[in-house]
C-alpha atoms as a PDB file:
ATOM      1  CA  UNK A   1     -35.786 -36.450 -19.682  1.00  0.00           C
ATOM      2  CA  UNK A   2     -32.804 -36.757 -17.355  1.00  0.00           C
ATOM      3  CA  UNK A   3     -29.449 -35.190 -17.939  1.00  0.00           C
ATOM      4  CA  UNK A   4     -26.256 -37.599 -18.096  1.00  0.00           C
ATOM      5  CA  UNK A   5     -25.193 -36.162 -14.678  1.00  0.00           C
ATOM      6  CA  UNK A   6     -28.720 -36.747 -13.126  1.00  0.00           C
ATOM      7  CA  UNK A   7     -28.503 -40.387 -14.209  1.00  0.00           C
ATOM      8  CA  UNK A   8     -24.896 -40.870 -13.002  1.00  0.00           C
ATOM      9  CA  UNK A   9     -26.142 -39.376  -9.518  1.00  0.00           C
ATOM     10  CA  UNK A  10     -29.370 -41.425  -9.170  1.00  0.00           C
ATOM     11  CA  UNK A  11     -29.263 -43.562  -6.160  1.00  0.00           C
ATOM     12  CA  UNK A  12     -26.150 -41.553  -4.611  1.00  0.00           C
ATOM     13  CA  UNK A  13     -26.639 -39.912  -1.251  1.00  0.00           C
ATOM     14  CA  UNK A  14     -27.344 -35.871  -1.447  1.00  0.00           C
ATOM     15  CA  UNK A  15     -23.917 -35.257   0.008  1.00  0.00           C
ATOM     16  CA  UNK A  16     -22.102 -37.172  -2.686  1.00  0.00           C
ATOM     17  CA  UNK A  17     -24.397 -35.414  -5.281  1.00  0.00           C
ATOM     18  CA  UNK A  18     -23.366 -32.076  -4.061  1.00  0.00           C
ATOM     19  CA  UNK A  19     -19.676 -32.853  -3.951  1.00  0.00           C
ATOM     20  CA  UNK A  20     -19.806 -34.057  -7.524  1.00  0.00           C
ATOM     21  CA  UNK A  21     -21.660 -31.027  -8.755  1.00  0.00           C
ATOM     22  CA  UNK A  22     -19.239 -28.744  -6.792  1.00  0.00           C
ATOM     23  CA  UNK A  23     -16.119 -30.561  -8.401  1.00  0.00           C
ATOM     24  CA  UNK A  24     -17.687 -30.367 -11.889  1.00  0.00           C
ATOM     25  CA  UNK A  25     -18.563 -26.804 -11.462  1.00  0.00           C
ATOM     26  CA  UNK A  26     -15.093 -25.926 -10.343  1.00  0.00           C
ATOM     27  CA  UNK A  27     -13.438 -28.105 -13.213  1.00  0.00           C
ATOM     28  CA  UNK A  28     -15.476 -26.197 -15.541  1.00  0.00           C
ATOM     29  CA  UNK A  29     -14.415 -22.797 -14.500  1.00  0.00           C
ATOM     30  CA  UNK A  30     -10.707 -23.403 -14.147  1.00  0.00           C
ATOM     31  CA  UNK A  31     -10.076 -23.951 -17.790  1.00  0.00           C
ATOM     32  CA  UNK A  32      -6.707 -22.764 -19.180  1.00  0.00           C
ATOM     33  CA  UNK A  33      -6.678 -18.870 -18.942  1.00  0.00           C
ATOM     34  CA  UNK A  34      -3.993 -18.657 -21.929  1.00  0.00           C
ATOM     35  CA  UNK A  35      -4.549 -20.278 -25.383  1.00  0.00           C
ATOM     36  CA  UNK A  36      -1.498 -21.859 -26.842  1.00  0.00           C
ATOM     37  CA  UNK A  37      -1.500 -23.338 -30.440  1.00  0.00           C
ATOM     38  CA  UNK A  38      -1.026 -26.929 -30.909  1.00  0.00           C
ATOM     39  CA  UNK A  39       2.160 -26.374 -32.777  1.00  0.00           C
ATOM     40  CA  UNK A  40       3.349 -24.331 -29.630  1.00  0.00           C
ATOM     41  CA  UNK A  41       2.258 -27.165 -27.425  1.00  0.00           C
ATOM     42  CA  UNK A  42       4.277 -29.743 -29.544  1.00  0.00           C
ATOM     43  CA  UNK A  43       7.526 -27.854 -28.990  1.00  0.00           C
ATOM     44  CA  UNK A  44       7.031 -27.901 -25.109  1.00  0.00           C
ATOM     45  CA  UNK A  45       9.376 -30.815 -23.570  1.00  0.00           C
ATOM     46  CA  UNK A  46       7.464 -33.738 -21.699  1.00  0.00           C
ATOM     47  CA  UNK A  47       9.338 -32.468 -18.691  1.00  0.00           C
ATOM     48  CA  UNK A  48       7.703 -28.967 -18.986  1.00  0.00           C
ATOM     49  CA  UNK A  49       4.331 -30.568 -19.474  1.00  0.00           C
ATOM     50  CA  UNK A  50       4.692 -32.753 -16.544  1.00  0.00           C
ATOM     51  CA  UNK A  51       5.953 -29.609 -14.390  1.00  0.00           C
ATOM     52  CA  UNK A  52       2.406 -27.974 -15.629  1.00  0.00           C
ATOM     53  CA  UNK A  53       0.521 -31.159 -15.156  1.00  0.00           C
ATOM     54  CA  UNK A  54       1.833 -31.593 -11.483  1.00  0.00           C
ATOM     55  CA  UNK A  55       0.331 -28.190 -10.605  1.00  0.00           C
ATOM     56  CA  UNK A  56      -2.851 -28.902 -12.389  1.00  0.00           C
ATOM     57  CA  UNK A  57      -3.414 -32.356 -10.931  1.00  0.00           C
ATOM     58  CA  UNK A  58      -2.597 -31.050  -7.246  1.00  0.00           C
ATOM     59  CA  UNK A  59      -5.221 -28.341  -7.839  1.00  0.00           C
ATOM     60  CA  UNK A  60      -7.784 -30.672  -8.983  1.00  0.00           C
ATOM     61  CA  UNK A  61      -7.083 -32.806  -5.922  1.00  0.00           C
ATOM     62  CA  UNK A  62      -7.322 -29.791  -3.668  1.00  0.00           C
ATOM     63  CA  UNK A  63     -10.753 -28.661  -5.127  1.00  0.00           C
ATOM     64  CA  UNK A  64     -11.801 -32.291  -4.727  1.00  0.00           C
ATOM     65  CA  UNK A  65     -11.182 -32.258  -0.900  1.00  0.00           C
ATOM     66  CA  UNK A  66     -12.245 -28.728  -0.364  1.00  0.00           C
ATOM     67  CA  UNK A  67     -15.856 -29.797   0.736  1.00  0.00           C
ATOM     68  CA  UNK A  68     -16.909 -30.608   3.127  1.00  0.00           C
ATOM     69  CA  UNK A  69     -14.932 -27.971   5.075  1.00  0.00           C
ATOM     70  CA  UNK A  70     -12.116 -29.429   7.141  1.00  0.00           C
ATOM     71  CA  UNK A  71      -8.927 -28.395   9.069  1.00  0.00           C
ATOM     72  CA  UNK A  72      -5.869 -27.413   6.905  1.00  0.00           C
ATOM     73  CA  UNK A  73      -3.877 -30.427   8.473  1.00  0.00           C
ATOM     74  CA  UNK A  74      -6.546 -32.696   7.072  1.00  0.00           C
ATOM     75  CA  UNK A  75      -6.853 -31.201   3.708  1.00  0.00           C
ATOM     76  CA  UNK A  76      -2.822 -31.387   3.586  1.00  0.00           C
ATOM     77  CA  UNK A  77      -2.863 -35.232   4.585  1.00  0.00           C
ATOM     78  CA  UNK A  78      -5.528 -36.131   1.954  1.00  0.00           C
ATOM     79  CA  UNK A  79      -3.856 -34.156  -0.575  1.00  0.00           C
ATOM     80  CA  UNK A  80      -0.459 -35.573  -0.065  1.00  0.00           C
ATOM     81  CA  UNK A  81      -1.850 -38.994  -0.190  1.00  0.00           C
ATOM     82  CA  UNK A  82      -3.134 -38.519  -3.737  1.00  0.00           C
ATOM     83  CA  UNK A  83      -0.280 -36.673  -5.185  1.00  0.00           C
ATOM     84  CA  UNK A  84       2.371 -39.351  -4.168  1.00  0.00           C
ATOM     85  CA  UNK A  85       4.108 -40.852  -6.946  1.00  0.00           C
ATOM     86  CA  UNK A  86       2.639 -44.341  -6.071  1.00  0.00           C
ATOM     87  CA  UNK A  87      -0.960 -42.865  -6.235  1.00  0.00           C
ATOM     88  CA  UNK A  88      -0.374 -41.265  -9.506  1.00  0.00           C
ATOM     89  CA  UNK A  89       1.024 -44.609 -11.138  1.00  0.00           C
ATOM     90  CA  UNK A  90      -2.181 -46.210  -9.815  1.00  0.00           C
ATOM     91  CA  UNK A  91      -4.128 -43.596 -11.385  1.00  0.00           C
ATOM     92  CA  UNK A  92      -2.320 -43.710 -14.737  1.00  0.00           C
ATOM     93  CA  UNK A  93      -2.626 -47.536 -14.873  1.00  0.00           C
ATOM     94  CA  UNK A  94      -6.379 -47.273 -14.272  1.00  0.00           C
ATOM     95  CA  UNK A  95      -6.776 -44.750 -17.228  1.00  0.00           C
ATOM     96  CA  UNK A  96      -4.518 -46.671 -19.717  1.00  0.00           C
ATOM     97  CA  UNK A  97      -7.663 -48.649 -21.069  1.00  0.00           C
ATOM     98  CA  UNK A  98      -9.575 -45.379 -21.822  1.00  0.00           C
ATOM     99  CA  UNK A  99      -6.632 -43.498 -23.501  1.00  0.00           C
ATOM    100  CA  UNK A 100      -6.493 -42.572 -27.072  1.00  0.00           C
ATOM    101  CA  UNK A 101      -3.294 -43.432 -29.322  1.00  0.00           C
ATOM    102  CA  UNK A 102      -2.319 -39.576 -29.224  1.00  0.00           C
ATOM    103  CA  UNK A 103      -2.830 -39.752 -25.471  1.00  0.00           C
ATOM    104  CA  UNK A 104      -0.674 -42.905 -25.034  1.00  0.00           C
ATOM    105  CA  UNK A 105       1.898 -41.290 -27.167  1.00  0.00           C
ATOM    106  CA  UNK A 106       2.146 -38.515 -24.750  1.00  0.00           C
ATOM    107  CA  UNK A 107       2.168 -41.027 -21.909  1.00  0.00           C
ATOM    108  CA  UNK A 108       5.167 -42.758 -23.537  1.00  0.00           C
ATOM    109  CA  UNK A 109       7.158 -39.541 -24.124  1.00  0.00           C
ATOM    110  CA  UNK A 110       6.344 -38.632 -20.340  1.00  0.00           C
ATOM    111  CA  UNK A 111       7.829 -41.955 -19.229  1.00  0.00           C
ATOM    112  CA  UNK A 112      10.903 -41.366 -21.348  1.00  0.00           C
ATOM    113  CA  UNK A 113      11.277 -37.891 -20.016  1.00  0.00           C
ATOM    114  CA  UNK A 114      11.327 -38.927 -16.469  1.00  0.00           C
ATOM    115  CA  UNK A 115      14.813 -38.548 -15.067  1.00  0.00           C
ATOM    116  CA  UNK A 116      16.838 -38.791 -12.058  1.00  0.00           C
ATOM    117  CA  UNK A 117      16.772 -41.535  -9.637  1.00  0.00           C
ATOM    118  CA  UNK A 118      14.305 -40.977  -6.785  1.00  0.00           C
ATOM    119  CA  UNK A 119      15.694 -42.578  -3.704  1.00  0.00           C
ATOM    120  CA  UNK A 120      12.523 -43.622  -2.090  1.00  0.00           C
ATOM    121  CA  UNK A 121      10.900 -45.505  -4.824  1.00  0.00           C
ATOM    122  CA  UNK A 122      11.232 -47.678  -7.764  1.00  0.00           C
ATOM    123  CA  UNK A 123      12.292 -45.735 -10.963  1.00  0.00           C
ATOM    124  CA  UNK A 124       9.074 -47.437 -12.723  1.00  0.00           C
ATOM    125  CA  UNK A 125       6.641 -45.763 -10.537  1.00  0.00           C
ATOM    126  CA  UNK A 126       8.515 -42.608 -10.956  1.00  0.00           C
ATOM    127  CA  UNK A 127       8.146 -42.937 -14.698  1.00  0.00           C
ATOM    128  CA  UNK A 128       4.429 -43.667 -14.460  1.00  0.00           C
ATOM    129  CA  UNK A 129       3.724 -40.674 -12.206  1.00  0.00           C
ATOM    130  CA  UNK A 130       5.659 -38.500 -14.536  1.00  0.00           C
ATOM    131  CA  UNK A 131       3.749 -39.759 -17.560  1.00  0.00           C
ATOM    132  CA  UNK A 132       0.546 -38.961 -15.698  1.00  0.00           C
ATOM    133  CA  UNK A 133       1.506 -35.511 -15.146  1.00  0.00           C
ATOM    134  CA  UNK A 134       2.724 -35.176 -18.680  1.00  0.00           C
ATOM    135  CA  UNK A 135      -0.665 -36.269 -19.897  1.00  0.00           C
ATOM    136  CA  UNK A 136      -2.460 -33.884 -17.683  1.00  0.00           C
ATOM    137  CA  UNK A 137      -0.184 -30.918 -18.714  1.00  0.00           C
ATOM    138  CA  UNK A 138      -0.650 -31.795 -22.479  1.00  0.00           C
ATOM    139  CA  UNK A 139      -4.513 -32.088 -22.018  1.00  0.00           C
ATOM    140  CA  UNK A 140      -4.781 -28.846 -20.042  1.00  0.00           C
ATOM    141  CA  UNK A 141      -3.316 -27.067 -22.902  1.00  0.00           C
ATOM    142  CA  UNK A 142      -4.932 -28.858 -25.757  1.00  0.00           C
ATOM    143  CA  UNK A 143      -8.286 -30.546 -24.651  1.00  0.00           C
ATOM    144  CA  UNK A 144      -9.569 -29.412 -21.519  1.00  0.00           C
ATOM    145  CA  UNK A 145     -12.733 -31.168 -21.745  1.00  0.00           C
ATOM    146  CA  UNK A 146     -11.010 -34.550 -22.151  1.00  0.00           C
ATOM    147  CA  UNK A 147      -8.811 -33.779 -19.181  1.00  0.00           C
ATOM    148  CA  UNK A 148     -11.962 -33.308 -17.043  1.00  0.00           C
ATOM    149  CA  UNK A 149     -13.347 -36.511 -18.482  1.00  0.00           C
ATOM    150  CA  UNK A 150     -10.229 -38.421 -17.427  1.00  0.00           C
ATOM    151  CA  UNK A 151     -10.016 -36.716 -13.916  1.00  0.00           C
ATOM    152  CA  UNK A 152     -13.426 -37.699 -13.387  1.00  0.00           C
ATOM    153  CA  UNK A 153     -12.578 -41.350 -13.872  1.00  0.00           C
ATOM    154  CA  UNK A 154     -10.006 -41.319 -11.242  1.00  0.00           C
ATOM    155  CA  UNK A 155     -10.865 -43.086  -8.052  1.00  0.00           C
ATOM    156  CA  UNK A 156      -9.938 -40.241  -5.647  1.00  0.00           C
ATOM    157  CA  UNK A 157     -11.652 -41.046  -2.372  1.00  0.00           C
ATOM    158  CA  UNK A 158     -13.530 -38.850   0.005  1.00  0.00           C
ATOM    159  CA  UNK A 159     -12.585 -39.695   3.573  1.00  0.00           C
END
């Protein structure tokens, strides 16, 4: 009997299989290193969760592009394209149908926490990007397995 991962990978080329396995392995080995209680997490502001989520999201994207090996400049260009607010907003919109009520509430809180007026983009895009980061920060602290599931739903593209 095939595992779920083997079924998903059937029909994929070997390089993609290796890359997905690599990304999965990295995700499962970078789980939170400090346990925080749910009551403590609920006291953290959405802005602070977004701050954490920004770092976690960028780390995920950096890990995603780590293989195949490339020059540092190429890594940088690929990562910057994915961590831009516009791309994060697109990712959030793609995840919305898959989110639970609790996750949607976190997204709402993150949207409302987005402050400041970014000069180069629409405030709505900035709010959506902050919402995604808030959700990632929250799930990193409360449900790492769910965070992994959602990150794997994102359409981050290999170049």
